[in-house]
Amino acid sequence: MTTIGTIESLWRYPVKSMSGEAVTEAFMGFSGVYGDRCCAFINSEARKGFPYLTATVQQEMLRFRPRFRYPERAAKPPNLAEAMSIAPGITPASGDANDLALEVVTPSGAVVAVDDPALVEMLGEGISADNRLTLVRSDRAMTDCRPVSLISLQTVRQLEAELDTLIDKRRFRANVYLDFAAGSGFAEDALVGRRLRLGSRATIAILERDPRCKMISLDPDTSAHNPEVLRKVAQKHAACAGVYAAVLVEGLLMNGDAIELLD
């Protein structure tokens, strides 16, 4: 095993396509980070195979800030201690919908429950009335593709240099931001097909590069659109930045944890 860096920060996104939250520790299970994308809004006008309303259609979604009503209960699965006493491999850690109850701080500062009909009305403002929205919930992450997304700070810094402007790492909406001990941007691409251990227990397999869309062109605070960000990633990096991973061994992660290359 070789230590190749550390976890710079951990993130989850309680409502799909809304603002994310940084956490000091996170449970990474087979279906993703606990509390990540546990709510989403189905859009009747979305394309088949991807039924959700996202900020690519409603850019203002990024300005809505979801928060857990019981943050201490939403931090990790309720049976984590029992599950972690089992040898690495199958770790039956499960969530609880009541623990993951959500409310949302709107751009105006109002606070509404995630299932408040007023929230649906707000999300529908400025888009076609044909977009009928329905809240869905899950105690397992409703991710776009793979359970976990990762990107290195070095990749973000390289893109800054290529664009000659500051880039907020939050544009990339990763679960794990990596800080490599050596190497330049996009070094994570070379990890595709390899296994990493994050912290003392969690093990992931890096499956593929992360193909990007309009989301990275949206400012995470203002939702302003800068198409040059995606254009540059498309021109220089085949429209990919960061990587996707599958979880092989579940475990609790913390900021600063070591990243080890297993093979």
Protein backbone atom coordinates (compact mmCIF):
# COMPACT_ATOMS: atom_id res chain seq x y z
CA MET A 1 0.00 0.00 0.00
CA THR A 2 1.16 3.51 -0.84
CA THR A 3 -0.20 6.70 0.69
CA ILE A 4 -0.90 9.12 -2.15
CA GLY A 5 -2.67 11.95 -0.37
CA THR A 6 -5.40 12.93 2.06
CA ILE A 7 -9.10 13.79 2.10
CA GLU A 8 -9.33 17.58 1.89
CA SER A 9 -13.09 17.76 2.49
CA LEU A 10 -16.28 15.69 2.46
CA TRP A 11 -19.60 16.80 0.97
CA ARG A 12 -23.15 15.62 0.60
CA TYR A 13 -26.13 17.10 -1.24
CA PRO A 14 -29.33 16.32 0.69
CA VAL A 15 -31.65 17.40 -2.14
CA LYS A 16 -30.51 16.53 -5.63
CA SER A 17 -29.25 19.63 -7.49
CA MET A 18 -29.64 21.98 -4.51
CA SER A 19 -26.76 23.41 -2.50
CA GLY A 20 -24.46 20.96 -0.76
CA GLU A 21 -23.07 20.85 2.78
CA ALA A 22 -19.55 20.17 4.00
CA VAL A 23 -19.30 17.57 6.76
CA THR A 24 -16.37 16.71 9.01
CA GLU A 25 -17.14 13.00 8.81
CA ALA A 26 -19.31 10.87 6.56
CA PHE A 27 -20.39 7.27 6.34
CA MET A 28 -19.70 5.90 2.87
CA GLY A 29 -21.92 2.90 2.15
CA PHE A 30 -22.44 0.73 -0.90
CA SER A 31 -25.10 3.09 -2.24
CA GLY A 32 -23.11 6.25 -1.52
CA VAL A 33 -22.58 8.79 1.25
CA TYR A 34 -25.20 8.67 4.00
CA GLY A 35 -27.64 11.56 3.60
CA ASP A 36 -26.49 12.32 0.06
CA ARG A 37 -29.26 12.99 -2.49
CA CYS A 38 -31.88 11.45 -0.21
CA CYS A 39 -34.53 13.71 -1.74
CA ALA A 40 -35.15 14.75 -5.33
CA PHE A 41 -37.88 16.24 -7.45
CA ILE A 42 -39.20 14.17 -10.33
CA ASN A 43 -39.89 16.30 -13.39
CA SER A 44 -42.61 15.14 -15.78
CA GLU A 45 -40.73 16.77 -18.68
CA ALA A 46 -37.33 15.20 -17.94
CA ARG A 47 -35.79 12.81 -20.40
CA LYS A 48 -36.35 9.08 -20.04
CA GLY A 49 -33.84 7.40 -17.78
CA PHE A 50 -33.15 10.62 -15.85
CA PRO A 51 -36.46 11.83 -14.39
CA TYR A 52 -35.21 14.59 -12.07
CA LEU A 53 -35.48 18.36 -12.03
CA THR A 54 -31.94 19.75 -11.88
CA ALA A 55 -30.21 23.10 -12.07
CA THR A 56 -29.52 22.50 -15.75
CA VAL A 57 -33.23 23.34 -16.20
CA GLN A 58 -33.93 25.40 -13.06
CA GLN A 59 -30.68 27.19 -12.27
CA GLU A 60 -32.15 28.75 -9.10
CA MET A 61 -32.12 25.30 -7.46
CA LEU A 62 -28.50 25.91 -6.49
CA ARG A 63 -29.59 28.81 -4.29
CA PHE A 64 -31.87 26.62 -2.15
CA ARG A 65 -30.04 25.29 0.93
CA PRO A 66 -31.40 22.04 2.39
CA ARG A 67 -30.58 21.15 5.97
CA PHE A 68 -31.40 18.18 8.15
CA ARG A 69 -33.93 18.84 10.88
CA TYR A 70 -32.00 16.54 13.23
CA PRO A 71 -28.36 16.96 12.13
CA GLU A 72 -26.95 14.77 14.89
CA ARG A 73 -29.21 11.88 13.79
CA ALA A 74 -28.51 12.46 10.10
CA ALA A 75 -24.75 12.20 10.51
CA LYS A 76 -24.52 8.41 10.24
CA PRO A 77 -26.72 5.28 10.15
CA PRO A 78 -28.40 4.48 13.47
CA ASN A 79 -26.95 0.95 13.54
CA LEU A 80 -23.41 1.99 12.59
CA ALA A 81 -21.66 0.80 15.76
CA GLU A 82 -23.17 -2.67 15.45
CA ALA A 83 -22.46 -2.85 11.74
CA MET A 84 -18.85 -1.71 12.08
CA SER A 85 -18.15 -4.47 14.60
CA ILE A 86 -18.51 -6.96 11.73
CA ALA A 87 -15.39 -7.76 9.72
CA PRO A 88 -14.92 -5.67 6.55
CA GLY A 89 -17.03 -6.85 3.65
CA ILE A 90 -20.79 -6.92 3.96
CA THR A 91 -21.65 -4.20 6.48
CA PRO A 92 -25.44 -3.99 6.94
CA ALA A 93 -25.64 -0.29 7.82
CA SER A 94 -29.04 1.16 6.99
CA GLY A 95 -30.61 4.60 7.16
CA ASP A 96 -33.84 5.83 8.70
CA ALA A 97 -36.21 8.18 6.87
CA ASN A 98 -37.24 10.01 10.06
CA ASP A 99 -33.62 10.74 10.91
CA LEU A 100 -33.19 12.26 7.44
CA ALA A 101 -36.10 14.73 7.67
CA LEU A 102 -35.27 17.87 5.72
CA GLU A 103 -36.16 21.53 5.57
CA VAL A 104 -34.98 24.02 2.96
CA VAL A 105 -33.75 27.58 3.30
CA THR A 106 -35.00 29.42 0.20
CA PRO A 107 -33.09 32.20 -1.60
CA SER A 108 -35.27 34.75 0.22
CA GLY A 109 -34.28 33.28 3.61
CA ALA A 110 -37.61 31.60 4.33
CA VAL A 111 -37.52 28.08 5.77
CA VAL A 112 -39.95 25.47 4.44
CA ALA A 113 -40.29 21.72 4.86
CA VAL A 114 -39.03 19.77 1.88
CA ASP A 115 -42.57 18.43 1.31
CA ASP A 116 -44.25 21.85 1.55
CA PRO A 117 -46.27 22.49 -1.65
CA ALA A 118 -44.93 26.05 -1.56
CA LEU A 119 -41.47 24.67 -2.35
CA VAL A 120 -42.76 23.02 -5.51
CA GLU A 121 -44.27 26.34 -6.56
CA MET A 122 -40.97 28.14 -6.01
CA LEU A 123 -39.02 25.54 -7.97
CA GLY A 124 -41.46 25.91 -10.84
CA GLU A 125 -41.02 29.66 -11.14
CA GLY A 126 -39.58 30.72 -14.47
CA ILE A 127 -39.86 27.34 -16.18
CA SER A 128 -42.66 25.91 -18.28
CA ALA A 129 -45.84 24.86 -16.49
CA ASP A 130 -45.49 21.56 -18.32
CA ASN A 131 -42.77 20.67 -15.80
CA ARG A 132 -44.89 18.99 -13.12
CA LEU A 133 -42.79 18.31 -10.03
CA THR A 134 -43.13 15.50 -7.47
CA LEU A 135 -40.97 14.98 -4.40
CA VAL A 136 -39.36 11.55 -3.96
CA ARG A 137 -37.36 10.30 -0.98
CA SER A 138 -34.86 7.54 -0.38
CA ASP A 139 -32.51 6.56 2.43
CA ARG A 140 -30.00 5.66 -0.32
CA ALA A 141 -28.31 8.22 -2.53
CA MET A 142 -30.10 9.02 -5.80
CA THR A 143 -26.90 9.77 -7.67
CA ASP A 144 -26.65 10.41 -11.40
CA CYS A 145 -24.43 7.46 -12.19
CA ARG A 146 -22.12 5.85 -9.59
CA PRO A 147 -22.35 5.92 -5.79
CA VAL A 148 -19.40 8.23 -5.07
CA SER A 149 -17.72 11.08 -6.95
CA LEU A 150 -14.20 12.38 -6.31
CA ILE A 151 -12.02 15.16 -7.68
CA SER A 152 -8.60 16.48 -6.66
CA LEU A 153 -7.77 20.03 -5.66
CA GLN A 154 -4.94 19.80 -8.18
CA THR A 155 -7.45 19.30 -10.99
CA VAL A 156 -9.44 22.34 -9.85
CA ARG A 157 -6.25 24.43 -9.72
CA GLN A 158 -5.22 23.30 -13.21
CA LEU A 159 -8.59 24.35 -14.59
CA GLU A 160 -8.13 27.72 -12.89
CA ALA A 161 -4.85 28.14 -14.75
CA GLU A 162 -6.40 27.08 -18.05
CA LEU A 163 -9.32 29.48 -17.63
CA ASP A 164 -7.19 32.22 -16.08
CA THR A 165 -9.81 32.80 -13.39
CA LEU A 166 -10.64 31.54 -9.90
CA ILE A 167 -12.75 28.37 -9.82
CA ASP A 168 -14.84 27.41 -6.80
CA LYS A 169 -14.32 23.69 -6.20
CA ARG A 170 -18.01 23.40 -5.28
CA ARG A 171 -18.90 23.64 -8.98
CA PHE A 172 -17.86 19.99 -9.30
CA ARG A 173 -20.22 18.74 -6.56
CA ALA A 174 -17.94 15.90 -5.50
CA ASN A 175 -18.47 13.79 -2.39
CA VAL A 176 -14.74 13.59 -1.71
CA TYR A 177 -12.18 16.28 -2.55
CA LEU A 178 -8.70 14.79 -2.73
CA ASP A 179 -5.39 16.48 -1.97
CA PHE A 180 -2.60 14.50 -3.59
CA ALA A 181 0.88 14.48 -2.08
CA ALA A 182 2.44 14.85 -5.54
CA GLY A 183 1.44 15.22 -9.16
CA SER A 184 -0.44 17.67 -11.31
CA GLY A 185 -4.10 18.10 -12.20
CA PHE A 186 -6.15 15.18 -13.52
CA ALA A 187 -3.85 12.67 -11.78
CA GLU A 188 -6.99 10.87 -10.60
CA ASP A 189 -7.59 9.77 -14.21
CA ALA A 190 -4.67 7.34 -13.85
CA LEU A 191 -6.48 5.66 -10.93
CA VAL A 192 -9.30 4.29 -13.11
CA GLY A 193 -9.36 0.52 -12.65
CA ARG A 194 -7.53 0.67 -9.32
CA ARG A 195 -8.58 0.39 -5.66
CA LEU A 196 -8.13 2.97 -2.92
CA ARG A 197 -8.55 2.83 0.84
CA LEU A 198 -9.93 5.99 2.40
CA GLY A 199 -9.27 6.23 6.12
CA SER A 200 -8.85 3.04 8.14
CA ARG A 201 -11.51 0.90 6.48
CA ALA A 202 -13.49 2.19 3.50
CA THR A 203 -12.37 0.78 0.16
CA ILE A 204 -13.43 1.96 -3.28
CA ALA A 205 -12.81 0.96 -6.88
CA ILE A 206 -12.29 3.83 -9.31
CA LEU A 207 -14.54 2.98 -12.26
CA GLU A 208 -14.35 5.81 -14.78
CA ARG A 209 -13.75 9.48 -15.43
CA ASP A 210 -16.62 11.79 -14.56
CA PRO A 211 -18.34 13.19 -17.71
CA ARG A 212 -19.43 16.76 -17.09
CA CYS A 213 -22.46 18.83 -18.05
CA LYS A 214 -23.76 22.39 -17.63
CA MET A 215 -23.71 22.06 -13.83
CA ILE A 216 -20.00 22.95 -13.60
CA SER A 217 -20.72 26.19 -15.46
CA LEU A 218 -23.10 27.40 -12.73
CA ASP A 219 -21.83 29.49 -9.84
CA PRO A 220 -22.68 27.59 -6.61
CA ASP A 221 -23.74 30.77 -4.79
CA THR A 222 -25.45 32.88 -7.45
CA SER A 223 -26.31 30.19 -10.06
CA ALA A 224 -24.90 32.54 -12.75
CA HIS A 225 -23.98 30.67 -15.92
CA ASN A 226 -20.44 30.84 -17.33
CA PRO A 227 -20.38 28.47 -20.34
CA GLU A 228 -16.62 28.87 -20.70
CA VAL A 229 -16.04 26.47 -17.78
CA LEU A 230 -17.68 23.49 -19.48
CA ARG A 231 -16.30 24.57 -22.86
CA LYS A 232 -12.72 24.45 -21.57
CA VAL A 233 -13.23 21.05 -19.92
CA ALA A 234 -14.71 19.74 -23.16
CA GLN A 235 -11.92 21.14 -25.33
CA LYS A 236 -8.95 20.08 -23.22
CA HIS A 237 -10.18 17.10 -21.18
CA ALA A 238 -12.81 15.26 -23.24
CA ALA A 239 -15.55 16.89 -21.11
CA CYS A 240 -14.40 14.95 -18.02
CA ALA A 241 -13.13 16.15 -14.64
CA GLY A 242 -12.84 13.93 -11.58
CA VAL A 243 -13.76 10.26 -11.25
CA TYR A 244 -16.59 7.98 -10.18
CA ALA A 245 -16.16 5.09 -7.76
CA ALA A 246 -17.98 2.04 -6.43
CA VAL A 247 -17.76 1.16 -2.73
CA LEU A 248 -16.23 -2.24 -1.97
CA VAL A 249 -15.97 -1.92 1.82
CA GLU A 250 -18.15 0.53 3.74
CA GLY A 251 -16.68 2.82 6.35
CA LEU A 252 -16.60 6.14 8.16
CA LEU A 253 -14.49 8.90 6.58
CA MET A 254 -13.06 12.03 8.20
CA ASN A 255 -11.38 15.13 6.86
CA GLY A 256 -7.63 14.58 6.75
CA ASP A 257 -7.88 10.80 6.40
CA ALA A 258 -5.13 9.17 4.38
CA ILE A 259 -5.75 7.91 0.84
CA GLU A 260 -3.89 4.67 0.12
CA LEU A 261 -3.40 3.01 -3.24
CA LEU A 262 -4.04 -0.71 -2.83
CA ASP A 263 -3.14 -1.98 -6.30
